[in-house]
Amino acid sequence: MLRETYPYKTELHCHTFPCSSCATVSPEQIVRLYALDGYHSIVITNHLFFEGIKSSRSLEKAVDSQIADFERARAEGERVGLNVIFAAELRFDGSINDYLFYGPDPDFYKELDVKKIHTVEDFSRAYRNESNLLLQAHPFRTGMTLAPLELIDGIEAFNLNIRHNSRVGIASKYVEENRIHSICGTDFHHTGDGQLSAACTRQPVKTAGELVKIIRDGDLCWKIGNAYIVDNDA
């Protein structure tokens, strides 16, 4: 029943090379892999590390790299019939915590005041609002620390990166206990990672704004491997 009600699949967390140096898959290749597996949309979430961005020039260089990979993926998506959405995985000074930020287009990042962004608190207070979503990625991995709930909209409860233990059971329980938004993500980096998760929706997700609204409304389910999970807690 869930498969029929929510037939459209979207990957919420994947990386491309060369923008994310930890990845090895080109924008074109990742689009083809997901299209072949029956996905309708993917969200490109390449890394943006603020620790190395201290001037408007270095910000421009980092954002240009993000845009270049995104535009390549979008062009290939138009060719094969897969929708590509822009987002970013953010990391701030003095921490290895990561945050997935959904909603803004690439131009938003060009206008950031990097001299005032040092911590997730700085970013959240300045830029988080109802039209976007700031979610802590894989918060229960070794070395991560939980962000204060007042600074984020939720967490990535199901991170299925095959090289890390993201303790998804603990993360899922944390979502239930705190009644916050949750998402799933394959955290795709390499061709062997597989397409292990999807946000499944009633209609195709075509824009970042649509994605934010669907997650906030909770009208979706998570596909984890071949299991379907409904989140009714947010």
Protein backbone atom coordinates (compact mmCIF):
# COMPACT_ATOMS: atom_id res chain seq x y z
CA MET A 1 0.00 0.00 0.00
CA LEU A 2 2.79 2.44 0.88
CA ARG A 3 4.61 1.65 -2.37
CA GLU A 4 1.45 2.53 -4.31
CA THR A 5 0.59 5.64 -2.26
CA TYR A 6 4.11 7.07 -2.32
CA PRO A 7 5.58 5.94 -5.68
CA TYR A 8 8.09 8.76 -6.30
CA LYS A 9 11.61 8.27 -4.93
CA THR A 10 14.07 11.02 -3.97
CA GLU A 11 17.62 10.63 -2.68
CA LEU A 12 18.25 13.28 -0.01
CA HIS A 13 22.00 12.89 0.61
CA CYS A 14 24.62 12.27 -2.07
CA HIS A 15 28.03 13.64 -3.05
CA THR A 16 29.79 14.19 -6.35
CA PHE A 17 33.40 14.60 -7.43
CA PRO A 18 35.23 16.95 -7.76
CA CYS A 19 33.24 19.28 -5.50
CA SER A 20 33.32 16.80 -2.60
CA SER A 21 36.87 15.45 -2.59
CA CYS A 22 35.73 12.46 -0.49
CA ALA A 23 33.59 11.26 -3.41
CA THR A 24 34.68 9.52 -6.61
CA VAL A 25 31.54 9.70 -8.76
CA SER A 26 31.02 12.40 -11.37
CA PRO A 27 27.77 14.41 -11.45
CA GLU A 28 26.77 12.73 -14.71
CA GLN A 29 27.49 9.24 -13.41
CA ILE A 30 25.49 9.63 -10.20
CA VAL A 31 22.48 10.87 -12.16
CA ARG A 32 22.61 7.85 -14.46
CA LEU A 33 22.93 5.43 -11.53
CA TYR A 34 19.86 6.81 -9.78
CA ALA A 35 17.84 7.07 -12.98
CA LEU A 36 18.53 3.42 -13.75
CA ASP A 37 17.31 2.48 -10.27
CA GLY A 38 13.95 4.18 -10.77
CA TYR A 39 14.46 7.36 -8.77
CA HIS A 40 12.63 10.49 -9.84
CA SER A 41 14.81 13.06 -8.04
CA ILE A 42 18.12 13.41 -6.24
CA VAL A 43 19.38 16.16 -3.97
CA ILE A 44 23.06 16.97 -4.45
CA THR A 45 24.47 17.75 -0.99
CA ASN A 46 28.14 18.49 -1.50
CA HIS A 47 30.30 19.62 1.40
CA LEU A 48 30.74 23.27 2.33
CA PHE A 49 33.32 23.68 5.11
CA PHE A 50 33.20 27.14 6.68
CA GLU A 51 36.45 26.59 8.54
CA GLY A 52 38.33 27.17 5.29
CA ILE A 53 36.16 30.08 4.13
CA LYS A 54 37.25 33.40 5.61
CA SER A 55 36.69 35.89 2.81
CA SER A 56 34.21 36.67 0.05
CA ARG A 57 36.79 35.43 -2.46
CA SER A 58 37.18 32.02 -0.82
CA LEU A 59 33.40 31.79 -0.43
CA GLU A 60 32.93 32.51 -4.13
CA LYS A 61 35.43 29.81 -5.07
CA ALA A 62 33.72 27.23 -2.84
CA VAL A 63 30.24 28.09 -4.09
CA ASP A 64 31.38 28.06 -7.72
CA SER A 65 32.58 24.48 -7.19
CA GLN A 66 29.18 23.56 -5.77
CA ILE A 67 27.39 25.17 -8.69
CA ALA A 68 29.62 23.55 -11.30
CA ASP A 69 28.85 20.01 -10.10
CA PHE A 70 25.16 20.83 -9.66
CA GLU A 71 24.81 22.25 -13.16
CA ARG A 72 26.52 19.21 -14.66
CA ALA A 73 24.15 16.93 -12.75
CA ARG A 74 21.11 18.96 -13.72
CA ALA A 75 22.03 18.90 -17.39
CA GLU A 76 22.42 15.12 -17.32
CA GLY A 77 19.18 14.86 -15.37
CA GLU A 78 17.33 16.73 -18.10
CA ARG A 79 18.78 14.32 -20.64
CA VAL A 80 17.75 11.11 -18.81
CA GLY A 81 14.60 12.33 -17.06
CA LEU A 82 15.82 12.72 -13.46
CA ASN A 83 15.13 15.87 -11.46
CA VAL A 84 18.17 17.34 -9.65
CA ILE A 85 17.81 19.62 -6.60
CA PHE A 86 20.51 21.76 -4.96
CA ALA A 87 21.38 21.59 -1.24
CA ALA A 88 24.55 21.50 0.85
CA GLU A 89 26.15 19.68 3.76
CA LEU A 90 27.62 22.32 6.06
CA ARG A 91 30.41 22.13 8.63
CA PHE A 92 31.43 24.96 10.95
CA ASP A 93 34.58 25.98 12.82
CA GLY A 94 36.00 23.72 15.50
CA SER A 95 33.60 20.79 15.01
CA ILE A 96 33.21 17.71 12.84
CA ASN A 97 29.41 17.90 13.01
CA ASP A 98 27.67 18.11 9.64
CA TYR A 99 24.34 19.73 8.81
CA LEU A 100 22.14 19.23 5.76
CA PHE A 101 20.55 22.48 4.64
CA TYR A 102 17.59 22.28 2.27
CA GLY A 103 15.72 25.14 0.60
CA PRO A 104 18.01 27.90 -0.71
CA ASP A 105 19.33 27.98 -4.25
CA PRO A 106 23.05 28.48 -5.01
CA ASP A 107 22.77 32.28 -5.08
CA PHE A 108 21.90 32.26 -1.38
CA TYR A 109 25.39 31.04 -0.51
CA LYS A 110 27.09 33.82 -2.46
CA GLU A 111 25.54 36.40 -0.13
CA LEU A 112 26.57 34.82 3.16
CA ASP A 113 28.50 36.98 5.61
CA VAL A 114 31.30 34.50 6.28
CA LYS A 115 32.97 36.79 8.84
CA LYS A 116 29.96 36.26 11.11
CA ILE A 117 29.55 32.49 10.58
CA HIS A 118 31.70 30.46 12.97
CA THR A 119 29.27 28.04 14.61
CA VAL A 120 25.99 26.33 13.86
CA GLU A 121 24.40 28.79 16.29
CA ASP A 122 25.64 31.73 14.19
CA PHE A 123 24.24 30.18 11.02
CA SER A 124 20.94 29.07 12.54
CA ARG A 125 20.19 32.44 14.13
CA ALA A 126 20.97 34.32 10.93
CA TYR A 127 19.52 32.14 8.19
CA ARG A 128 17.13 29.45 9.42
CA ASN A 129 13.44 30.09 8.75
CA GLU A 130 10.20 28.38 7.73
CA SER A 131 11.18 28.19 4.06
CA ASN A 132 14.25 26.03 4.71
CA LEU A 133 15.33 23.07 6.81
CA LEU A 134 18.49 22.67 8.87
CA LEU A 135 19.00 19.06 9.95
CA GLN A 136 21.98 17.51 11.69
CA ALA A 137 23.44 14.74 9.56
CA HIS A 138 24.26 11.37 11.16
CA PRO A 139 24.41 12.87 14.69
CA PHE A 140 25.17 9.60 16.49
CA ARG A 141 28.36 8.69 14.67
CA THR A 142 31.49 8.42 16.79
CA GLY A 143 32.91 11.89 17.41
CA MET A 144 29.69 13.78 16.73
CA THR A 145 27.91 15.88 19.36
CA LEU A 146 24.19 16.55 19.36
CA ALA A 147 23.24 20.09 18.37
CA PRO A 148 20.83 21.92 20.67
CA LEU A 149 17.31 21.27 19.41
CA GLU A 150 16.47 24.97 19.33
CA LEU A 151 19.08 25.45 16.58
CA ILE A 152 17.92 22.75 14.16
CA ASP A 153 14.72 21.41 12.62
CA GLY A 154 15.59 17.76 13.10
CA ILE A 155 18.13 15.09 12.26
CA GLU A 156 19.05 12.55 9.61
CA ALA A 157 17.80 9.50 11.50
CA PHE A 158 18.60 6.97 8.79
CA ASN A 159 22.07 7.54 7.35
CA LEU A 160 23.00 4.45 5.37
CA ASN A 161 26.64 5.15 4.51
CA ILE A 162 28.20 1.70 4.40
CA ARG A 163 31.56 2.84 5.86
CA HIS A 164 30.16 4.37 9.06
CA ASN A 165 28.05 3.28 12.01
CA SER A 166 25.44 6.02 12.29
CA ARG A 167 23.52 4.15 15.04
CA VAL A 168 20.22 4.57 13.24
CA GLY A 169 18.24 2.81 15.96
CA ILE A 170 19.36 5.33 18.56
CA ALA A 171 18.75 8.17 16.11
CA SER A 172 15.23 6.96 15.35
CA LYS A 173 14.44 6.73 19.07
CA TYR A 174 15.78 10.27 19.56
CA VAL A 175 13.38 11.53 16.87
CA GLU A 176 10.43 9.85 18.57
CA GLU A 177 11.35 11.13 22.03
CA ASN A 178 11.80 14.72 20.86
CA ARG A 179 9.12 14.82 18.13
CA ILE A 180 11.39 16.45 15.58
CA HIS A 181 11.64 16.12 11.82
CA SER A 182 13.72 13.27 10.47
CA ILE A 183 15.07 12.25 7.08
CA CYS A 184 16.92 9.36 5.49
CA GLY A 185 19.94 9.44 3.20
CA THR A 186 22.22 7.00 1.43
CA ASP A 187 25.15 9.41 1.90
CA PHE A 188 26.34 8.21 -1.49
CA HIS A 189 30.04 8.71 -2.37
CA HIS A 190 31.17 5.77 -4.51
CA THR A 191 29.70 3.47 -7.14
CA GLY A 192 29.59 0.54 -4.70
CA ASP A 193 27.48 2.39 -2.16
CA GLY A 194 24.17 1.42 -3.76
CA GLN A 195 20.96 3.44 -3.68
CA LEU A 196 19.94 2.40 -0.17
CA SER A 197 17.35 4.95 0.85
CA ALA A 198 14.71 7.25 -0.56
CA ALA A 199 12.14 9.77 0.53
CA CYS A 200 8.94 8.47 -1.11
CA THR A 201 6.23 10.96 -2.01
CA ARG A 202 2.78 11.11 -3.61
CA GLN A 203 3.97 13.46 -6.36
CA PRO A 204 7.38 14.02 -7.95
CA VAL A 205 9.61 16.43 -6.00
CA LYS A 206 10.79 19.07 -8.46
CA THR A 207 12.04 21.97 -6.34
CA ALA A 208 13.79 22.55 -3.02
CA GLY A 209 10.74 24.46 -1.80
CA GLU A 210 8.50 21.48 -2.49
CA LEU A 211 10.91 19.21 -0.64
CA VAL A 212 10.96 21.44 2.45
CA LYS A 213 7.16 21.60 2.56
CA ILE A 214 6.75 17.83 2.17
CA ILE A 215 9.20 17.09 5.00
CA ARG A 216 7.60 19.70 7.25
CA ASP A 217 4.10 18.35 6.51
CA GLY A 218 5.22 14.75 6.99
CA ASP A 219 3.31 13.46 3.98
CA LEU A 220 5.91 10.93 2.87
CA CYS A 221 7.59 7.70 3.91
CA TRP A 222 11.16 6.44 3.98
CA LYS A 223 12.37 3.54 1.84
CA ILE A 224 15.25 1.85 3.67
CA GLY A 225 16.58 -0.97 1.53
CA ASN A 226 13.31 -2.68 0.60
CA ALA A 227 11.46 -1.69 3.79
CA TYR A 228 9.01 1.22 3.96
CA ILE A 229 8.87 3.31 7.13
CA VAL A 230 6.27 5.94 8.05
CA ASP A 231 7.32 8.81 10.32
CA ASN A 232 4.35 10.16 12.25
CA ASP A 233 6.26 11.86 15.06
CA ALA A 234 7.20 15.25 13.56
